[in-house]
Amino acid sequence: SFLKAAELDPDHVDTRWALVELYVSLPGIV
């Protein structure tokens, strides 16, 4: 969902913040 939002709107700041937090917090295995 976040990746789709980022693809649809290259200026969507909140989505990019969400992706930063998601990729940082998830273990590498997932």
PDB file of all heavy atoms in Angstrom:
ATOM      1  N   SER A   1       0.831  -1.215   0.000  1.00  0.00           N
ATOM      2  CA  SER A   1       0.000   0.000   0.000  1.00  0.00           C
ATOM      3  C   SER A   1       0.861   1.259   0.000  1.00  0.00           C
ATOM      4  O   SER A   1       0.592   2.212  -0.735  1.00  0.00           O
ATOM      5  CB  SER A   1      -0.930  -0.002   1.217  1.00  0.00           C
ATOM      6  OG  SER A   1      -1.852  -1.056   1.145  1.00  0.00           O
ATOM      7  N   PHE A   2       1.888   1.271   0.830  1.00  0.00           N
ATOM      8  CA  PHE A   2       2.764   2.438   0.895  1.00  0.00           C
ATOM      9  C   PHE A   2       3.525   2.626  -0.427  1.00  0.00           C
ATOM     10  O   PHE A   2       3.682   3.758  -0.915  1.00  0.00           O
ATOM     11  CB  PHE A   2       3.751   2.316   2.051  1.00  0.00           C
ATOM     12  CG  PHE A   2       3.135   2.495   3.411  1.00  0.00           C
ATOM     13  CD1 PHE A   2       3.702   1.892   4.531  1.00  0.00           C
ATOM     14  CD2 PHE A   2       2.001   3.275   3.593  1.00  0.00           C
ATOM     15  CE1 PHE A   2       3.145   2.062   5.792  1.00  0.00           C
ATOM     16  CE2 PHE A   2       1.434   3.450   4.851  1.00  0.00           C
ATOM     17  CZ  PHE A   2       2.010   2.835   5.951  1.00  0.00           C
ATOM     18  N   LEU A   3       4.008   1.516  -0.995  1.00  0.00           N
ATOM     19  CA  LEU A   3       4.736   1.612  -2.260  1.00  0.00           C
ATOM     20  C   LEU A   3       3.831   2.119  -3.386  1.00  0.00           C
ATOM     21  O   LEU A   3       4.267   2.905  -4.235  1.00  0.00           O
ATOM     22  CB  LEU A   3       5.332   0.249  -2.630  1.00  0.00           C
ATOM     23  CG  LEU A   3       6.514  -0.215  -1.771  1.00  0.00           C
ATOM     24  CD1 LEU A   3       6.874  -1.660  -2.081  1.00  0.00           C
ATOM     25  CD2 LEU A   3       7.724   0.684  -1.949  1.00  0.00           C
ATOM     26  N   LYS A   4       2.583   1.681  -3.378  1.00  0.00           N
ATOM     27  CA  LYS A   4       1.629   2.149  -4.388  1.00  0.00           C
ATOM     28  C   LYS A   4       1.372   3.644  -4.231  1.00  0.00           C
ATOM     29  O   LYS A   4       1.324   4.386  -5.222  1.00  0.00           O
ATOM     30  CB  LYS A   4       0.315   1.371  -4.258  1.00  0.00           C
ATOM     31  CG  LYS A   4      -0.709   1.696  -5.345  1.00  0.00           C
ATOM     32  CD  LYS A   4      -0.210   1.296  -6.725  1.00  0.00           C
ATOM     33  CE  LYS A   4      -1.262   1.536  -7.789  1.00  0.00           C
ATOM     34  NZ  LYS A   4      -0.765   1.211  -9.147  1.00  0.00           N
ATOM     35  N   ALA A   5       1.221   4.089  -2.979  1.00  0.00           N
ATOM     36  CA  ALA A   5       1.006   5.513  -2.731  1.00  0.00           C
ATOM     37  C   ALA A   5       2.206   6.333  -3.201  1.00  0.00           C
ATOM     38  O   ALA A   5       2.049   7.393  -3.818  1.00  0.00           O
ATOM     39  CB  ALA A   5       0.753   5.746  -1.241  1.00  0.00           C
ATOM     40  N   ALA A   6       3.409   5.828  -2.929  1.00  0.00           N
ATOM     41  CA  ALA A   6       4.629   6.535  -3.351  1.00  0.00           C
ATOM     42  C   ALA A   6       4.723   6.594  -4.873  1.00  0.00           C
ATOM     43  O   ALA A   6       5.145   7.599  -5.450  1.00  0.00           O
ATOM     44  CB  ALA A   6       5.860   5.835  -2.774  1.00  0.00           C
ATOM     45  N   GLU A   7       4.315   5.507  -5.531  1.00  0.00           N
ATOM     46  CA  GLU A   7       4.335   5.463  -7.003  1.00  0.00           C
ATOM     47  C   GLU A   7       3.331   6.455  -7.601  1.00  0.00           C
ATOM     48  O   GLU A   7       3.631   7.140  -8.585  1.00  0.00           O
ATOM     49  CB  GLU A   7       3.993   4.044  -7.456  1.00  0.00           C
ATOM     50  CG  GLU A   7       3.876   3.861  -8.955  1.00  0.00           C
ATOM     51  CD  GLU A   7       3.271   2.512  -9.322  1.00  0.00           C
ATOM     52  OE1 GLU A   7       3.451   1.535  -8.566  1.00  0.00           O
ATOM     53  OE2 GLU A   7       2.599   2.443 -10.365  1.00  0.00           O
ATOM     54  N   LEU A   8       2.168   6.533  -6.978  1.00  0.00           N
ATOM     55  CA  LEU A   8       1.114   7.404  -7.506  1.00  0.00           C
ATOM     56  C   LEU A   8       1.396   8.881  -7.297  1.00  0.00           C
ATOM     57  O   LEU A   8       1.017   9.716  -8.116  1.00  0.00           O
ATOM     58  CB  LEU A   8      -0.231   7.049  -6.843  1.00  0.00           C
ATOM     59  CG  LEU A   8      -0.868   5.726  -7.273  1.00  0.00           C
ATOM     60  CD1 LEU A   8      -2.022   5.371  -6.341  1.00  0.00           C
ATOM     61  CD2 LEU A   8      -1.359   5.819  -8.716  1.00  0.00           C
ATOM     62  N   ASP A   9       2.061   9.190  -6.183  1.00  0.00           N
ATOM     63  CA  ASP A   9       2.312  10.607  -5.867  1.00  0.00           C
ATOM     64  C   ASP A   9       3.767  10.802  -5.466  1.00  0.00           C
ATOM     65  O   ASP A   9       4.154  10.518  -4.335  1.00  0.00           O
ATOM     66  CB  ASP A   9       1.393  11.056  -4.729  1.00  0.00           C
ATOM     67  CG  ASP A   9       1.503  12.549  -4.444  1.00  0.00           C
ATOM     68  OD1 ASP A   9       2.392  13.198  -5.023  1.00  0.00           O
ATOM     69  OD2 ASP A   9       0.700  13.055  -3.643  1.00  0.00           O
ATOM     70  N   PRO A  10       4.599  11.276  -6.383  1.00  0.00           N
ATOM     71  CA  PRO A  10       6.024  11.470  -6.089  1.00  0.00           C
ATOM     72  C   PRO A  10       6.291  12.566  -5.057  1.00  0.00           C
ATOM     73  O   PRO A  10       7.426  12.716  -4.594  1.00  0.00           O
ATOM     74  CB  PRO A  10       6.622  11.846  -7.446  1.00  0.00           C
ATOM     75  CG  PRO A  10       5.477  12.364  -8.242  1.00  0.00           C
ATOM     76  CD  PRO A  10       4.272  11.624  -7.776  1.00  0.00           C
ATOM     77  N   ASP A  11       5.250  13.318  -4.697  1.00  0.00           N
ATOM     78  CA  ASP A  11       5.419  14.400  -3.721  1.00  0.00           C
ATOM     79  C   ASP A  11       4.774  14.086  -2.365  1.00  0.00           C
ATOM     80  O   ASP A  11       4.654  14.974  -1.520  1.00  0.00           O
ATOM     81  CB  ASP A  11       4.808  15.698  -4.265  1.00  0.00           C
ATOM     82  CG  ASP A  11       5.508  16.185  -5.514  1.00  0.00           C
ATOM     83  OD1 ASP A  11       6.722  15.936  -5.648  1.00  0.00           O
ATOM     84  OD2 ASP A  11       4.846  16.803  -6.366  1.00  0.00           O
ATOM     85  N   HIS A  12       4.352  12.839  -2.157  1.00  0.00           N
ATOM     86  CA  HIS A  12       3.642  12.479  -0.929  1.00  0.00           C
ATOM     87  C   HIS A  12       4.649  12.253   0.208  1.00  0.00           C
ATOM     88  O   HIS A  12       5.273  11.197   0.317  1.00  0.00           O
ATOM     89  CB  HIS A  12       2.797  11.219  -1.160  1.00  0.00           C
ATOM     90  CG  HIS A  12       1.653  11.065  -0.204  1.00  0.00           C
ATOM     91  ND1 HIS A  12       1.845  10.778   1.130  1.00  0.00           N
ATOM     92  CD2 HIS A  12       0.314  11.169  -0.385  1.00  0.00           C
ATOM     93  CE1 HIS A  12       0.666  10.697   1.732  1.00  0.00           C
ATOM     94  NE2 HIS A  12      -0.284  10.931   0.832  1.00  0.00           N
ATOM     95  N   VAL A  13       4.811  13.257   1.037  1.00  0.00           N
ATOM     96  CA  VAL A  13       5.811  13.236   2.104  1.00  0.00           C
ATOM     97  C   VAL A  13       5.499  12.162   3.139  1.00  0.00           C
ATOM     98  O   VAL A  13       6.387  11.392   3.550  1.00  0.00           O
ATOM     99  CB  VAL A  13       5.908  14.626   2.774  1.00  0.00           C
ATOM    100  CG1 VAL A  13       6.737  14.556   4.058  1.00  0.00           C
ATOM    101  CG2 VAL A  13       6.525  15.640   1.815  1.00  0.00           C
ATOM    102  N   ASP A  14       4.245  12.090   3.594  1.00  0.00           N
ATOM    103  CA  ASP A  14       3.889  11.147   4.662  1.00  0.00           C
ATOM    104  C   ASP A  14       4.149   9.699   4.261  1.00  0.00           C
ATOM    105  O   ASP A  14       4.575   8.884   5.083  1.00  0.00           O
ATOM    106  CB  ASP A  14       2.414  11.316   5.054  1.00  0.00           C
ATOM    107  CG  ASP A  14       2.162  12.610   5.798  1.00  0.00           C
ATOM    108  OD1 ASP A  14       3.127  13.175   6.355  1.00  0.00           O
ATOM    109  OD2 ASP A  14       1.006  13.069   5.840  1.00  0.00           O
ATOM    110  N   THR A  15       3.895   9.371   3.004  1.00  0.00           N
ATOM    111  CA  THR A  15       4.141   8.011   2.528  1.00  0.00           C
ATOM    112  C   THR A  15       5.620   7.669   2.608  1.00  0.00           C
ATOM    113  O   THR A  15       5.995   6.564   3.019  1.00  0.00           O
ATOM    114  CB  THR A  15       3.649   7.844   1.072  1.00  0.00           C
ATOM    115  OG1 THR A  15       2.220   7.914   1.073  1.00  0.00           O
ATOM    116  CG2 THR A  15       4.081   6.512   0.501  1.00  0.00           C
ATOM    117  N   ARG A  16       6.458   8.614   2.237  1.00  0.00           N
ATOM    118  CA  ARG A  16       7.900   8.347   2.272  1.00  0.00           C
ATOM    119  C   ARG A  16       8.403   8.216   3.705  1.00  0.00           C
ATOM    120  O   ARG A  16       9.266   7.391   3.993  1.00  0.00           O
ATOM    121  CB  ARG A  16       8.642   9.439   1.487  1.00  0.00           C
ATOM    122  CG  ARG A  16       8.538   9.176  -0.002  1.00  0.00           C
ATOM    123  CD  ARG A  16       8.689  10.351  -0.922  1.00  0.00           C
ATOM    124  NE  ARG A  16       8.563   9.873  -2.303  1.00  0.00           N
ATOM    125  CZ  ARG A  16       7.381   9.616  -2.890  1.00  0.00           C
ATOM    126  NH1 ARG A  16       6.250   9.839  -2.229  1.00  0.00           N
ATOM    127  NH2 ARG A  16       7.334   9.147  -4.132  1.00  0.00           N
ATOM    128  N   TRP A  17       7.836   8.994   4.604  1.00  0.00           N
ATOM    129  CA  TRP A  17       8.171   8.817   6.016  1.00  0.00           C
ATOM    130  C   TRP A  17       7.756   7.412   6.482  1.00  0.00           C
ATOM    131  O   TRP A  17       8.491   6.734   7.209  1.00  0.00           O
ATOM    132  CB  TRP A  17       7.472   9.876   6.868  1.00  0.00           C
ATOM    133  CG  TRP A  17       8.354  11.004   7.280  1.00  0.00           C
ATOM    134  CD1 TRP A  17       8.270  12.307   6.897  1.00  0.00           C
ATOM    135  CD2 TRP A  17       9.479  10.937   8.165  1.00  0.00           C
ATOM    136  NE1 TRP A  17       9.265  13.055   7.489  1.00  0.00           N
ATOM    137  CE2 TRP A  17      10.015  12.247   8.272  1.00  0.00           C
ATOM    138  CE3 TRP A  17      10.083   9.902   8.867  1.00  0.00           C
ATOM    139  CZ2 TRP A  17      11.128  12.543   9.058  1.00  0.00           C
ATOM    140  CZ3 TRP A  17      11.197  10.193   9.659  1.00  0.00           C
ATOM    141  CH2 TRP A  17      11.701  11.497   9.746  1.00  0.00           C
ATOM    142  N   ALA A  18       6.572   6.994   6.060  1.00  0.00           N
ATOM    143  CA  ALA A  18       6.080   5.669   6.464  1.00  0.00           C
ATOM    144  C   ALA A  18       7.005   4.571   5.953  1.00  0.00           C
ATOM    145  O   ALA A  18       7.287   3.599   6.662  1.00  0.00           O
ATOM    146  CB  ALA A  18       4.658   5.464   5.928  1.00  0.00           C
ATOM    147  N   LEU A  19       7.489   4.723   4.726  1.00  0.00           N
ATOM    148  CA  LEU A  19       8.397   3.719   4.162  1.00  0.00           C
ATOM    149  C   LEU A  19       9.749   3.724   4.864  1.00  0.00           C
ATOM    150  O   LEU A  19      10.344   2.665   5.093  1.00  0.00           O
ATOM    151  CB  LEU A  19       8.567   3.966   2.658  1.00  0.00           C
ATOM    152  CG  LEU A  19       7.371   3.508   1.805  1.00  0.00           C
ATOM    153  CD1 LEU A  19       7.431   4.128   0.412  1.00  0.00           C
ATOM    154  CD2 LEU A  19       7.329   1.989   1.711  1.00  0.00           C
ATOM    155  N   VAL A  20      10.238   4.902   5.226  1.00  0.00           N
ATOM    156  CA  VAL A  20      11.486   4.981   5.995  1.00  0.00           C
ATOM    157  C   VAL A  20      11.331   4.212   7.307  1.00  0.00           C
ATOM    158  O   VAL A  20      12.162   3.357   7.652  1.00  0.00           O
ATOM    159  CB  VAL A  20      11.868   6.456   6.284  1.00  0.00           C
ATOM    160  CG1 VAL A  20      12.981   6.519   7.334  1.00  0.00           C
ATOM    161  CG2 VAL A  20      12.320   7.148   5.013  1.00  0.00           C
ATOM    162  N   GLU A  21      10.256   4.494   8.032  1.00  0.00           N
ATOM    163  CA  GLU A  21      10.041   3.842   9.320  1.00  0.00           C
ATOM    164  C   GLU A  21       9.823   2.344   9.158  1.00  0.00           C
ATOM    165  O   GLU A  21      10.294   1.544   9.976  1.00  0.00           O
ATOM    166  CB  GLU A  21       8.853   4.486  10.032  1.00  0.00           C
ATOM    167  CG  GLU A  21       9.126   5.936  10.448  1.00  0.00           C
ATOM    168  CD  GLU A  21       7.953   6.581  11.152  1.00  0.00           C
ATOM    169  OE1 GLU A  21       6.903   5.909  11.305  1.00  0.00           O
ATOM    170  OE2 GLU A  21       8.070   7.750  11.543  1.00  0.00           O
ATOM    171  N   LEU A  22       9.113   1.944   8.103  1.00  0.00           N
ATOM    172  CA  LEU A  22       8.843   0.528   7.876  1.00  0.00           C
ATOM    173  C   LEU A  22      10.127  -0.237   7.580  1.00  0.00           C
ATOM    174  O   LEU A  22      10.408  -1.269   8.209  1.00  0.00           O
ATOM    175  CB  LEU A  22       7.866   0.368   6.703  1.00  0.00           C
ATOM    176  CG  LEU A  22       7.405  -1.064   6.401  1.00  0.00           C
ATOM    177  CD1 LEU A  22       6.536  -1.593   7.538  1.00  0.00           C
ATOM    178  CD2 LEU A  22       6.631  -1.111   5.092  1.00  0.00           C
ATOM    179  N   TYR A  23      10.930   0.256   6.650  1.00  0.00           N
ATOM    180  CA  TYR A  23      12.159  -0.458   6.282  1.00  0.00           C
ATOM    181  C   TYR A  23      13.187  -0.464   7.415  1.00  0.00           C
ATOM    182  O   TYR A  23      13.974  -1.404   7.536  1.00  0.00           O
ATOM    183  CB  TYR A  23      12.767   0.152   5.024  1.00  0.00           C
ATOM    184  CG  TYR A  23      12.088  -0.296   3.746  1.00  0.00           C
ATOM    185  CD1 TYR A  23      11.462   0.624   2.903  1.00  0.00           C
ATOM    186  CD2 TYR A  23      12.055  -1.640   3.388  1.00  0.00           C
ATOM    187  CE1 TYR A  23      10.830   0.216   1.734  1.00  0.00           C
ATOM    188  CE2 TYR A  23      11.415  -2.058   2.224  1.00  0.00           C
ATOM    189  CZ  TYR A  23      10.806  -1.136   1.408  1.00  0.00           C
ATOM    190  OH  TYR A  23      10.173  -1.547   0.259  1.00  0.00           O
ATOM    191  N   VAL A  24      13.157   0.560   8.253  1.00  0.00           N
ATOM    192  CA  VAL A  24      14.085   0.604   9.389  1.00  0.00           C
ATOM    193  C   VAL A  24      13.676  -0.385  10.471  1.00  0.00           C
ATOM    194  O   VAL A  24      14.508  -1.065  11.068  1.00  0.00           O
ATOM    195  CB  VAL A  24      14.152   2.038   9.966  1.00  0.00           C
ATOM    196  CG1 VAL A  24      14.716   2.026  11.375  1.00  0.00           C
ATOM    197  CG2 VAL A  24      15.033   2.926   9.097  1.00  0.00           C
ATOM    198  N   SER A  25      12.381  -0.475  10.737  1.00  0.00           N
ATOM    199  CA  SER A  25      11.912  -1.258  11.890  1.00  0.00           C
ATOM    200  C   SER A  25      11.773  -2.749  11.598  1.00  0.00           C
ATOM    201  O   SER A  25      11.843  -3.567  12.521  1.00  0.00           O
ATOM    202  CB  SER A  25      10.569  -0.708  12.383  1.00  0.00           C
ATOM    203  OG  SER A  25       9.596  -0.764  11.359  1.00  0.00           O
ATOM    204  N   LEU A  26      11.591  -3.123  10.319  1.00  0.00           N
ATOM    205  CA  LEU A  26      11.419  -4.542  10.001  1.00  0.00           C
ATOM    206  C   LEU A  26      12.761  -5.285  10.053  1.00  0.00           C
ATOM    207  O   LEU A  26      13.784  -4.767   9.595  1.00  0.00           O
ATOM    208  CB  LEU A  26      10.844  -4.709   8.596  1.00  0.00           C
ATOM    209  CG  LEU A  26       9.358  -4.416   8.391  1.00  0.00           C
ATOM    210  CD1 LEU A  26       9.011  -4.579   6.905  1.00  0.00           C
ATOM    211  CD2 LEU A  26       8.498  -5.321   9.230  1.00  0.00           C
ATOM    212  N   PRO A  27      12.756  -6.506  10.573  1.00  0.00           N
ATOM    213  CA  PRO A  27      13.968  -7.334  10.473  1.00  0.00           C
ATOM    214  C   PRO A  27      14.266  -7.644   9.007  1.00  0.00           C
ATOM    215  O   PRO A  27      13.351  -7.714   8.173  1.00  0.00           O
ATOM    216  CB  PRO A  27      13.574  -8.620  11.228  1.00  0.00           C
ATOM    217  CG  PRO A  27      12.387  -8.260  12.050  1.00  0.00           C
ATOM    218  CD  PRO A  27      11.675  -7.177  11.300  1.00  0.00           C
ATOM    219  N   GLY A  28      15.536  -7.843   8.695  1.00  0.00           N
ATOM    220  CA  GLY A  28      15.931  -8.107   7.323  1.00  0.00           C
ATOM    221  C   GLY A  28      15.243  -9.314   6.728  1.00  0.00           C
ATOM    222  O   GLY A  28      14.929  -9.345   5.528  1.00  0.00           O
ATOM    223  N   ILE A  29      14.947 -10.302   7.535  1.00  0.00           N
ATOM    224  CA  ILE A  29      14.354 -11.553   7.054  1.00  0.00           C
ATOM    225  C   ILE A  29      12.950 -11.349   6.484  1.00  0.00           C
ATOM    226  O   ILE A  29      12.467 -12.137   5.672  1.00  0.00           O
ATOM    227  CB  ILE A  29      14.342 -12.613   8.185  1.00  0.00           C
ATOM    228  CG1 ILE A  29      14.115 -14.004   7.588  1.00  0.00           C
ATOM    229  CG2 ILE A  29      13.312 -12.282   9.248  1.00  0.00           C
ATOM    230  CD1 ILE A  29      14.323 -15.133   8.572  1.00  0.00           C
ATOM    231  N   VAL A  30      12.269 -10.267   6.919  1.00  0.00           N
ATOM    232  CA  VAL A  30      10.922  -9.990   6.389  1.00  0.00           C
ATOM    233  C   VAL A  30      10.886  -8.691   5.595  1.00  0.00           C
ATOM    234  O   VAL A  30       9.842  -8.068   5.448  1.00  0.00           O
ATOM    235  CB  VAL A  30       9.865  -9.969   7.518  1.00  0.00           C
ATOM    236  CG1 VAL A  30       9.629 -11.355   8.064  1.00  0.00           C
ATOM    237  CG2 VAL A  30      10.242  -8.988   8.618  1.00  0.00           C
TER     238      VAL A  30
END
